Amino acid sequence: MNYLIFLLKKGLKSKLALLSVVLTIIVVSTCLFFNLRNQHVQTFESRAQEQILFDIRQKKHYTPKEIKQDPHDAVSLIDSDIQVNKKIQKLLHKRKW
């Protein structure tokens, strides 16, 4: 037991060992902070919501004349993308992933 206490005291007296422990604590706490901060920001559900909002904004740029001329290409793809993302959100709320 005395030898273990001796090694512990010898290790704590070293400035390099103390610096490495402090640096490790700082790095771990920084990673924990960023993980907690991004926990609700970067999820599958939030990405689906962002995509729905993007598609709605993109759809607003089309005029009714453009929609009549090209009804099956861009606008229908945007509508189907919105429906898929809404379905993803519903399934996530039901916890059926």
PDB file of N, CA and C in Angstrom:
ATOM      1  N   MET A   1       0.821  -1.186   0.000  1.00  0.00           N
ATOM      2  CA  MET A   1       0.000   0.000   0.000  1.00  0.00           C
ATOM      3  C   MET A   1       0.873   1.261   0.000  1.00  0.00           C
ATOM      4  N   ASN A   2       1.983   1.198   0.710  1.00  0.00           N
ATOM      5  CA  ASN A   2       2.858   2.358   0.764  1.00  0.00           C
ATOM      6  C   ASN A   2       3.484   2.646  -0.595  1.00  0.00           C
ATOM      7  N   TYR A   3       3.785   1.618  -1.332  1.00  0.00           N
ATOM      8  CA  TYR A   3       4.375   1.804  -2.647  1.00  0.00           C
ATOM      9  C   TYR A   3       3.368   2.462  -3.599  1.00  0.00           C
ATOM     10  N   LEU A   4       2.090   2.091  -3.492  1.00  0.00           N
ATOM     11  CA  LEU A   4       1.050   2.674  -4.321  1.00  0.00           C
ATOM     12  C   LEU A   4       0.881   4.164  -3.994  1.00  0.00           C
ATOM     13  N   ILE A   5       0.891   4.513  -2.745  1.00  0.00           N
ATOM     14  CA  ILE A   5       0.795   5.919  -2.331  1.00  0.00           C
ATOM     15  C   ILE A   5       2.011   6.685  -2.824  1.00  0.00           C
ATOM     16  N   PHE A   6       3.187   6.067  -2.763  1.00  0.00           N
ATOM     17  CA  PHE A   6       4.411   6.701  -3.256  1.00  0.00           C
ATOM     18  C   PHE A   6       4.317   7.001  -4.748  1.00  0.00           C
ATOM     19  N   LEU A   7       3.839   6.040  -5.538  1.00  0.00           N
ATOM     20  CA  LEU A   7       3.690   6.245  -6.973  1.00  0.00           C
ATOM     21  C   LEU A   7       2.643   7.322  -7.296  1.00  0.00           C
ATOM     22  N   LEU A   8       1.578   7.343  -6.514  1.00  0.00           N
ATOM     23  CA  LEU A   8       0.541   8.342  -6.722  1.00  0.00           C
ATOM     24  C   LEU A   8       1.068   9.751  -6.442  1.00  0.00           C
ATOM     25  N   LYS A   9       1.808   9.909  -5.361  1.00  0.00           N
ATOM     26  CA  LYS A   9       2.391  11.212  -5.023  1.00  0.00           C
ATOM     27  C   LYS A   9       3.426  11.631  -6.071  1.00  0.00           C
ATOM     28  N   LYS A  10       4.209  10.678  -6.520  1.00  0.00           N
ATOM     29  CA  LYS A  10       5.220  10.979  -7.527  1.00  0.00           C
ATOM     30  C   LYS A  10       4.565  11.413  -8.845  1.00  0.00           C
ATOM     31  N   GLY A  11       3.467  10.769  -9.209  1.00  0.00           N
ATOM     32  CA  GLY A  11       2.766  11.113 -10.439  1.00  0.00           C
ATOM     33  C   GLY A  11       2.080  12.462 -10.363  1.00  0.00           C
ATOM     34  N   LEU A  12       1.537  12.807  -9.212  1.00  0.00           N
ATOM     35  CA  LEU A  12       0.841  14.086  -9.068  1.00  0.00           C
ATOM     36  C   LEU A  12       1.805  15.265  -8.947  1.00  0.00           C
ATOM     37  N   LYS A  13       3.031  15.010  -8.550  1.00  0.00           N
ATOM     38  CA  LYS A  13       4.007  16.090  -8.456  1.00  0.00           C
ATOM     39  C   LYS A  13       4.485  16.539  -9.827  1.00  0.00           C
ATOM     40  N   SER A  14       4.394  15.675 -10.795  1.00  0.00           N
ATOM     41  CA  SER A  14       4.851  15.998 -12.138  1.00  0.00           C
ATOM     42  C   SER A  14       3.874  16.974 -12.798  1.00  0.00           C
ATOM     43  N   LYS A  15       4.391  18.069 -13.317  1.00  0.00           N
ATOM     44  CA  LYS A  15       3.543  19.067 -13.981  1.00  0.00           C
ATOM     45  C   LYS A  15       2.967  18.524 -15.286  1.00  0.00           C
ATOM     46  N   LEU A  16       3.705  17.672 -15.941  1.00  0.00           N
ATOM     47  CA  LEU A  16       3.239  17.110 -17.202  1.00  0.00           C
ATOM     48  C   LEU A  16       2.033  16.192 -16.984  1.00  0.00           C
ATOM     49  N   ALA A  17       2.065  15.416 -15.921  1.00  0.00           N
ATOM     50  CA  ALA A  17       0.939  14.524 -15.626  1.00  0.00           C
ATOM     51  C   ALA A  17      -0.300  15.335 -15.257  1.00  0.00           C
ATOM     52  N   LEU A  18      -0.120  16.369 -14.466  1.00  0.00           N
ATOM     53  CA  LEU A  18      -1.228  17.222 -14.080  1.00  0.00           C
ATOM     54  C   LEU A  18      -1.810  17.945 -15.306  1.00  0.00           C
ATOM     55  N   LEU A  19      -0.945  18.396 -16.191  1.00  0.00           N
ATOM     56  CA  LEU A  19      -1.382  19.056 -17.414  1.00  0.00           C
ATOM     57  C   LEU A  19      -2.174  18.105 -18.311  1.00  0.00           C
ATOM     58  N   SER A  20      -1.726  16.875 -18.409  1.00  0.00           N
ATOM     59  CA  SER A  20      -2.438  15.910 -19.253  1.00  0.00           C
ATOM     60  C   SER A  20      -3.806  15.563 -18.673  1.00  0.00           C
ATOM     61  N   VAL A  21      -3.918  15.493 -17.360  1.00  0.00           N
ATOM     62  CA  VAL A  21      -5.216  15.218 -16.735  1.00  0.00           C
ATOM     63  C   VAL A  21      -6.169  16.392 -16.967  1.00  0.00           C
ATOM     64  N   VAL A  22      -5.693  17.603 -16.787  1.00  0.00           N
ATOM     65  CA  VAL A  22      -6.538  18.781 -17.003  1.00  0.00           C
ATOM     66  C   VAL A  22      -6.953  18.885 -18.464  1.00  0.00           C
ATOM     67  N   LEU A  23      -6.030  18.642 -19.368  1.00  0.00           N
ATOM     68  CA  LEU A  23      -6.332  18.699 -20.786  1.00  0.00           C
ATOM     69  C   LEU A  23      -7.362  17.628 -21.180  1.00  0.00           C
ATOM     70  N   THR A  24      -7.242  16.460 -20.619  1.00  0.00           N
ATOM     71  CA  THR A  24      -8.204  15.390 -20.892  1.00  0.00           C
ATOM     72  C   THR A  24      -9.591  15.768 -20.398  1.00  0.00           C
ATOM     73  N   ILE A  25      -9.672  16.355 -19.214  1.00  0.00           N
ATOM     74  CA  ILE A  25     -10.962  16.773 -18.672  1.00  0.00           C
ATOM     75  C   ILE A  25     -11.584  17.855 -19.546  1.00  0.00           C
ATOM     76  N   ILE A  26     -10.794  18.781 -20.037  1.00  0.00           N
ATOM     77  CA  ILE A  26     -11.309  19.844 -20.900  1.00  0.00           C
ATOM     78  C   ILE A  26     -11.833  19.275 -22.212  1.00  0.00           C
ATOM     79  N   VAL A  27     -11.099  18.374 -22.810  1.00  0.00           N
ATOM     80  CA  VAL A  27     -11.523  17.785 -24.085  1.00  0.00           C
ATOM     81  C   VAL A  27     -12.803  16.969 -23.916  1.00  0.00           C
ATOM     82  N   VAL A  28     -12.883  16.179 -22.870  1.00  0.00           N
ATOM     83  CA  VAL A  28     -14.079  15.361 -22.635  1.00  0.00           C
ATOM     84  C   VAL A  28     -15.285  16.237 -22.356  1.00  0.00           C
ATOM     85  N   SER A  29     -15.121  17.273 -21.542  1.00  0.00           N
ATOM     86  CA  SER A  29     -16.255  18.149 -21.242  1.00  0.00           C
ATOM     87  C   SER A  29     -16.690  18.943 -22.474  1.00  0.00           C
ATOM     88  N   THR A  30     -15.761  19.321 -23.339  1.00  0.00           N
ATOM     89  CA  THR A  30     -16.119  20.014 -24.576  1.00  0.00           C
ATOM     90  C   THR A  30     -16.920  19.099 -25.497  1.00  0.00           C
ATOM     91  N   CYS A  31     -16.493  17.872 -25.630  1.00  0.00           N
ATOM     92  CA  CYS A  31     -17.234  16.914 -26.464  1.00  0.00           C
ATOM     93  C   CYS A  31     -18.640  16.674 -25.896  1.00  0.00           C
ATOM     94  N   LEU A  32     -18.743  16.568 -24.589  1.00  0.00           N
ATOM     95  CA  LEU A  32     -20.039  16.380 -23.952  1.00  0.00           C
ATOM     96  C   LEU A  32     -20.942  17.590 -24.185  1.00  0.00           C
ATOM     97  N   PHE A  33     -20.385  18.785 -24.077  1.00  0.00           N
ATOM     98  CA  PHE A  33     -21.154  20.010 -24.303  1.00  0.00           C
ATOM     99  C   PHE A  33     -21.709  20.049 -25.726  1.00  0.00           C
ATOM    100  N   PHE A  34     -20.874  19.780 -26.730  1.00  0.00           N
ATOM    101  CA  PHE A  34     -21.331  19.812 -28.117  1.00  0.00           C
ATOM    102  C   PHE A  34     -22.346  18.711 -28.399  1.00  0.00           C
ATOM    103  N   ASN A  35     -22.174  17.570 -27.779  1.00  0.00           N
ATOM    104  CA  ASN A  35     -23.120  16.480 -27.961  1.00  0.00           C
ATOM    105  C   ASN A  35     -24.489  16.851 -27.385  1.00  0.00           C
ATOM    106  N   LEU A  36     -24.504  17.442 -26.207  1.00  0.00           N
ATOM    107  CA  LEU A  36     -25.766  17.854 -25.600  1.00  0.00           C
ATOM    108  C   LEU A  36     -26.421  18.995 -26.382  1.00  0.00           C
ATOM    109  N   ARG A  37     -25.602  19.882 -26.923  1.00  0.00           N
ATOM    110  CA  ARG A  37     -26.132  21.014 -27.683  1.00  0.00           C
ATOM    111  C   ARG A  37     -26.771  20.559 -28.992  1.00  0.00           C
ATOM    112  N   ASN A  38     -26.209  19.598 -29.644  1.00  0.00           N
ATOM    113  CA  ASN A  38     -26.701  19.133 -30.945  1.00  0.00           C
ATOM    114  C   ASN A  38     -27.663  17.964 -30.840  1.00  0.00           C
ATOM    115  N   GLN A  39     -28.012  17.583 -29.652  1.00  0.00           N
ATOM    116  CA  GLN A  39     -28.851  16.411 -29.445  1.00  0.00           C
ATOM    117  C   GLN A  39     -30.206  16.537 -30.138  1.00  0.00           C
ATOM    118  N   HIS A  40     -30.817  17.702 -30.104  1.00  0.00           N
ATOM    119  CA  HIS A  40     -32.125  17.878 -30.723  1.00  0.00           C
ATOM    120  C   HIS A  40     -32.050  18.622 -32.054  1.00  0.00           C
ATOM    121  N   VAL A  41     -30.889  19.093 -32.412  1.00  0.00           N
ATOM    122  CA  VAL A  41     -30.750  19.879 -33.640  1.00  0.00           C
ATOM    123  C   VAL A  41     -30.520  18.976 -34.846  1.00  0.00           C
ATOM    124  N   GLN A  42     -29.676  18.023 -34.714  1.00  0.00           N
ATOM    125  CA  GLN A  42     -29.308  17.186 -35.851  1.00  0.00           C
ATOM    126  C   GLN A  42     -29.926  15.802 -35.716  1.00  0.00           C
ATOM    127  N   THR A  43     -31.238  15.753 -35.877  1.00  0.00           N
ATOM    128  CA  THR A  43     -31.943  14.482 -35.826  1.00  0.00           C
ATOM    129  C   THR A  43     -32.618  14.227 -37.160  1.00  0.00           C
ATOM    130  N   PHE A  44     -33.072  13.026 -37.346  1.00  0.00           N
ATOM    131  CA  PHE A  44     -33.752  12.653 -38.580  1.00  0.00           C
ATOM    132  C   PHE A  44     -35.048  13.442 -38.726  1.00  0.00           C
ATOM    133  N   GLU A  45     -35.748  13.653 -37.610  1.00  0.00           N
ATOM    134  CA  GLU A  45     -37.002  14.392 -37.639  1.00  0.00           C
ATOM    135  C   GLU A  45     -36.785  15.864 -38.000  1.00  0.00           C
ATOM    136  N   SER A  46     -35.756  16.475 -37.438  1.00  0.00           N
ATOM    137  CA  SER A  46     -35.498  17.881 -37.754  1.00  0.00           C
ATOM    138  C   SER A  46     -35.047  18.046 -39.201  1.00  0.00           C
ATOM    139  N   ARG A  47     -34.308  17.091 -39.715  1.00  0.00           N
ATOM    140  CA  ARG A  47     -33.906  17.156 -41.127  1.00  0.00           C
ATOM    141  C   ARG A  47     -35.116  17.034 -42.048  1.00  0.00           C
ATOM    142  N   ALA A  48     -36.069  16.179 -41.685  1.00  0.00           N
ATOM    143  CA  ALA A  48     -37.279  16.044 -42.494  1.00  0.00           C
ATOM    144  C   ALA A  48     -38.084  17.341 -42.456  1.00  0.00           C
ATOM    145  N   GLN A  49     -38.169  17.975 -41.289  1.00  0.00           N
ATOM    146  CA  GLN A  49     -38.889  19.240 -41.177  1.00  0.00           C
ATOM    147  C   GLN A  49     -38.209  20.336 -41.998  1.00  0.00           C
ATOM    148  N   GLU A  50     -36.894  20.396 -41.932  1.00  0.00           N
ATOM    149  CA  GLU A  50     -36.156  21.377 -42.730  1.00  0.00           C
ATOM    150  C   GLU A  50     -36.377  21.152 -44.227  1.00  0.00           C
ATOM    151  N   GLN A  51     -36.436  19.902 -44.635  1.00  0.00           N
ATOM    152  CA  GLN A  51     -36.655  19.590 -46.046  1.00  0.00           C
ATOM    153  C   GLN A  51     -38.052  19.991 -46.484  1.00  0.00           C
ATOM    154  N   ILE A  52     -39.043  19.804 -45.618  1.00  0.00           N
ATOM    155  CA  ILE A  52     -40.412  20.231 -45.943  1.00  0.00           C
ATOM    156  C   ILE A  52     -40.463  21.743 -46.125  1.00  0.00           C
ATOM    157  N   LEU A  53     -39.855  22.480 -45.218  1.00  0.00           N
ATOM    158  CA  LEU A  53     -39.844  23.937 -45.325  1.00  0.00           C
ATOM    159  C   LEU A  53     -39.109  24.401 -46.588  1.00  0.00           C
ATOM    160  N   PHE A  54     -38.013  23.739 -46.905  1.00  0.00           N
ATOM    161  CA  PHE A  54     -37.269  24.078 -48.120  1.00  0.00           C
ATOM    162  C   PHE A  54     -38.111  23.828 -49.361  1.00  0.00           C
ATOM    163  N   ASP A  55     -38.825  22.697 -49.385  1.00  0.00           N
ATOM    164  CA  ASP A  55     -39.656  22.374 -50.544  1.00  0.00           C
ATOM    165  C   ASP A  55     -40.812  23.361 -50.696  1.00  0.00           C
ATOM    166  N   ILE A  56     -41.396  23.789 -49.585  1.00  0.00           N
ATOM    167  CA  ILE A  56     -42.478  24.764 -49.652  1.00  0.00           C
ATOM    168  C   ILE A  56     -41.964  26.091 -50.206  1.00  0.00           C
ATOM    169  N   ARG A  57     -40.788  26.523 -49.735  1.00  0.00           N
ATOM    170  CA  ARG A  57     -40.204  27.757 -50.256  1.00  0.00           C
ATOM    171  C   ARG A  57     -39.876  27.629 -51.743  1.00  0.00           C
ATOM    172  N   GLN A  58     -39.394  26.470 -52.127  1.00  0.00           N
ATOM    173  CA  GLN A  58     -39.040  26.249 -53.527  1.00  0.00           C
ATOM    174  C   GLN A  58     -40.289  26.227 -54.403  1.00  0.00           C
ATOM    175  N   LYS A  59     -41.368  25.682 -53.880  1.00  0.00           N
ATOM    176  CA  LYS A  59     -42.605  25.596 -54.655  1.00  0.00           C
ATOM    177  C   LYS A  59     -43.222  26.981 -54.855  1.00  0.00           C
ATOM    178  N   LYS A  60     -43.010  27.898 -53.920  1.00  0.00           N
ATOM    179  CA  LYS A  60     -43.559  29.244 -54.037  1.00  0.00           C
ATOM    180  C   LYS A  60     -42.947  30.027 -55.199  1.00  0.00           C
ATOM    181  N   HIS A  61     -41.794  29.628 -55.650  1.00  0.00           N
ATOM    182  CA  HIS A  61     -41.130  30.326 -56.744  1.00  0.00           C
ATOM    183  C   HIS A  61     -41.774  30.043 -58.105  1.00  0.00           C
ATOM    184  N   TYR A  62     -42.562  28.996 -58.180  1.00  0.00           N
ATOM    185  CA  TYR A  62     -43.212  28.662 -59.444  1.00  0.00           C
ATOM    186  C   TYR A  62     -44.493  29.479 -59.598  1.00  0.00           C
ATOM    187  N   THR A  63     -44.684  30.043 -60.762  1.00  0.00           N
ATOM    188  CA  THR A  63     -45.911  30.779 -61.066  1.00  0.00           C
ATOM    189  C   THR A  63     -46.954  29.795 -61.588  1.00  0.00           C
ATOM    190  N   PRO A  64     -48.226  30.169 -61.528  1.00  0.00           N
ATOM    191  CA  PRO A  64     -49.260  29.261 -62.062  1.00  0.00           C
ATOM    192  C   PRO A  64     -49.065  28.942 -63.543  1.00  0.00           C
ATOM    193  N   LYS A  65     -48.511  29.903 -64.310  1.00  0.00           N
ATOM    194  CA  LYS A  65     -48.260  29.648 -65.739  1.00  0.00           C
ATOM    195  C   LYS A  65     -47.213  28.550 -65.911  1.00  0.00           C
ATOM    196  N   GLU A  66     -46.157  28.600 -65.088  1.00  0.00           N
ATOM    197  CA  GLU A  66     -45.118  27.565 -65.169  1.00  0.00           C
ATOM    198  C   GLU A  66     -45.661  26.212 -64.734  1.00  0.00           C
ATOM    199  N   ILE A  67     -46.555  26.213 -63.775  1.00  0.00           N
ATOM    200  CA  ILE A  67     -47.133  24.942 -63.307  1.00  0.00           C
ATOM    201  C   ILE A  67     -47.988  24.319 -64.398  1.00  0.00           C
ATOM    202  N   LYS A  68     -48.751  25.145 -65.116  1.00  0.00           N
ATOM    203  CA  LYS A  68     -49.590  24.619 -66.205  1.00  0.00           C
ATOM    204  C   LYS A  68     -48.750  24.094 -67.361  1.00  0.00           C
ATOM    205  N   GLN A  69     -47.656  24.733 -67.648  1.00  0.00           N
ATOM    206  CA  GLN A  69     -46.804  24.314 -68.760  1.00  0.00           C
ATOM    207  C   GLN A  69     -46.063  23.017 -68.442  1.00  0.00           C
ATOM    208  N   ASP A  70     -45.661  22.870 -67.209  1.00  0.00           N
ATOM    209  CA  ASP A  70     -44.829  21.726 -66.828  1.00  0.00           C
ATOM    210  C   ASP A  70     -45.367  21.091 -65.541  1.00  0.00           C
ATOM    211  N   PRO A  71     -46.571  20.515 -65.585  1.00  0.00           N
ATOM    212  CA  PRO A  71     -47.202  20.073 -64.337  1.00  0.00           C
ATOM    213  C   PRO A  71     -46.619  18.801 -63.730  1.00  0.00           C
ATOM    214  N   HIS A  72     -45.915  18.016 -64.499  1.00  0.00           N
ATOM    215  CA  HIS A  72     -45.488  16.720 -63.973  1.00  0.00           C
ATOM    216  C   HIS A  72     -44.017  16.636 -63.611  1.00  0.00           C
ATOM    217  N   ASP A  73     -43.289  17.665 -63.864  1.00  0.00           N
ATOM    218  CA  ASP A  73     -41.865  17.554 -63.570  1.00  0.00           C
ATOM    219  C   ASP A  73     -41.513  18.098 -62.192  1.00  0.00           C
ATOM    220  N   ALA A  74     -41.228  19.360 -62.122  1.00  0.00           N
ATOM    221  CA  ALA A  74     -40.669  19.927 -60.892  1.00  0.00           C
ATOM    222  C   ALA A  74     -41.682  19.982 -59.763  1.00  0.00           C
ATOM    223  N   VAL A  75     -42.865  20.471 -60.039  1.00  0.00           N
ATOM    224  CA  VAL A  75     -43.851  20.662 -58.973  1.00  0.00           C
ATOM    225  C   VAL A  75     -44.321  19.325 -58.411  1.00  0.00           C
ATOM    226  N   SER A  76     -44.530  18.358 -59.266  1.00  0.00           N
ATOM    227  CA  SER A  76     -44.966  17.053 -58.769  1.00  0.00           C
ATOM    228  C   SER A  76     -43.863  16.369 -57.968  1.00  0.00           C
ATOM    229  N   LEU A  77     -42.628  16.574 -58.355  1.00  0.00           N
ATOM    230  CA  LEU A  77     -41.525  16.022 -57.562  1.00  0.00           C
ATOM    231  C   LEU A  77     -41.428  16.689 -56.193  1.00  0.00           C
ATOM    232  N   ILE A  78     -41.663  17.999 -56.172  1.00  0.00           N
ATOM    233  CA  ILE A  78     -41.644  18.704 -54.892  1.00  0.00           C
ATOM    234  C   ILE A  78     -42.781  18.215 -54.002  1.00  0.00           C
ATOM    235  N   ASP A  79     -43.978  18.049 -54.590  1.00  0.00           N
ATOM    236  CA  ASP A  79     -45.119  17.556 -53.810  1.00  0.00           C
ATOM    237  C   ASP A  79     -44.876  16.150 -53.273  1.00  0.00           C
ATOM    238  N   SER A  80     -44.296  15.301 -54.089  1.00  0.00           N
ATOM    239  CA  SER A  80     -44.025  13.935 -53.618  1.00  0.00           C
ATOM    240  C   SER A  80     -42.950  13.934 -52.527  1.00  0.00           C
ATOM    241  N   ASP A  81     -41.981  14.832 -52.645  1.00  0.00           N
ATOM    242  CA  ASP A  81     -40.949  14.935 -51.615  1.00  0.00           C
ATOM    243  C   ASP A  81     -41.552  15.410 -50.300  1.00  0.00           C
ATOM    244  N   ILE A  82     -42.472  16.362 -50.370  1.00  0.00           N
ATOM    245  CA  ILE A  82     -43.145  16.839 -49.160  1.00  0.00           C
ATOM    246  C   ILE A  82     -43.936  15.699 -48.517  1.00  0.00           C
ATOM    247  N   GLN A  83     -44.637  14.926 -49.316  1.00  0.00           N
ATOM    248  CA  GLN A  83     -45.428  13.814 -48.781  1.00  0.00           C
ATOM    249  C   GLN A  83     -44.539  12.758 -48.125  1.00  0.00           C
ATOM    250  N   VAL A  84     -43.415  12.469 -48.749  1.00  0.00           N
ATOM    251  CA  VAL A  84     -42.489  11.482 -48.175  1.00  0.00           C
ATOM    252  C   VAL A  84     -41.945  11.969 -46.827  1.00  0.00           C
ATOM    253  N   ASN A  85     -41.577  13.241 -46.759  1.00  0.00           N
ATOM    254  CA  ASN A  85     -41.046  13.768 -45.504  1.00  0.00           C
ATOM    255  C   ASN A  85     -42.115  13.839 -44.425  1.00  0.00           C
ATOM    256  N   LYS A  86     -43.357  14.112 -44.785  1.00  0.00           N
ATOM    257  CA  LYS A  86     -44.446  14.089 -43.799  1.00  0.00           C
ATOM    258  C   LYS A  86     -44.687  12.670 -43.299  1.00  0.00           C
ATOM    259  N   LYS A  87     -44.585  11.706 -44.216  1.00  0.00           N
ATOM    260  CA  LYS A  87     -44.753  10.304 -43.813  1.00  0.00           C
ATOM    261  C   LYS A  87     -43.627   9.886 -42.866  1.00  0.00           C
ATOM    262  N   ILE A  88     -42.420  10.347 -43.127  1.00  0.00           N
ATOM    263  CA  ILE A  88     -41.284  10.058 -42.235  1.00  0.00           C
ATOM    264  C   ILE A  88     -41.565  10.612 -40.847  1.00  0.00           C
ATOM    265  N   GLN A  89     -42.090  11.839 -40.782  1.00  0.00           N
ATOM    266  CA  GLN A  89     -42.387  12.437 -39.482  1.00  0.00           C
ATOM    267  C   GLN A  89     -43.474  11.660 -38.742  1.00  0.00           C
ATOM    268  N   LYS A  90     -44.510  11.233 -39.469  1.00  0.00           N
ATOM    269  CA  LYS A  90     -45.572  10.459 -38.821  1.00  0.00           C
ATOM    270  C   LYS A  90     -45.045   9.135 -38.281  1.00  0.00           C
ATOM    271  N   LEU A  91     -44.210   8.473 -39.056  1.00  0.00           N
ATOM    272  CA  LEU A  91     -43.653   7.197 -38.606  1.00  0.00           C
ATOM    273  C   LEU A  91     -42.717   7.380 -37.411  1.00  0.00           C
ATOM    274  N   LEU A  92     -42.004   8.480 -37.396  1.00  0.00           N
ATOM    275  CA  LEU A  92     -41.122   8.752 -36.258  1.00  0.00           C
ATOM    276  C   LEU A  92     -41.919   9.006 -34.988  1.00  0.00           C
ATOM    277  N   HIS A  93     -43.058   9.697 -35.122  1.00  0.00           N
ATOM    278  CA  HIS A  93     -43.896   9.930 -33.949  1.00  0.00           C
ATOM    279  C   HIS A  93     -44.529   8.643 -33.438  1.00  0.00           C
ATOM    280  N   LYS A  94     -44.794   7.709 -34.353  1.00  0.00           N
ATOM    281  CA  LYS A  94     -45.337   6.405 -33.954  1.00  0.00           C
ATOM    282  C   LYS A  94     -44.245   5.450 -33.488  1.00  0.00           C
ATOM    283  N   ARG A  95     -42.996   5.886 -33.623  1.00  0.00           N
ATOM    284  CA  ARG A  95     -41.826   5.073 -33.278  1.00  0.00           C
ATOM    285  C   ARG A  95     -41.744   3.789 -34.116  1.00  0.00           C
ATOM    286  N   LYS A  96     -42.064   3.910 -35.383  1.00  0.00           N
ATOM    287  CA  LYS A  96     -41.960   2.772 -36.313  1.00  0.00           C
ATOM    288  C   LYS A  96     -40.877   3.079 -37.325  1.00  0.00           C
ATOM    289  N   TRP A  97     -39.676   3.076 -36.888  1.00  0.00           N
ATOM    290  CA  TRP A  97     -38.586   3.330 -37.812  1.00  0.00           C
ATOM    291  C   TRP A  97     -38.023   2.012 -38.231  1.00  0.00           C
TER     292      TRP A  97
END
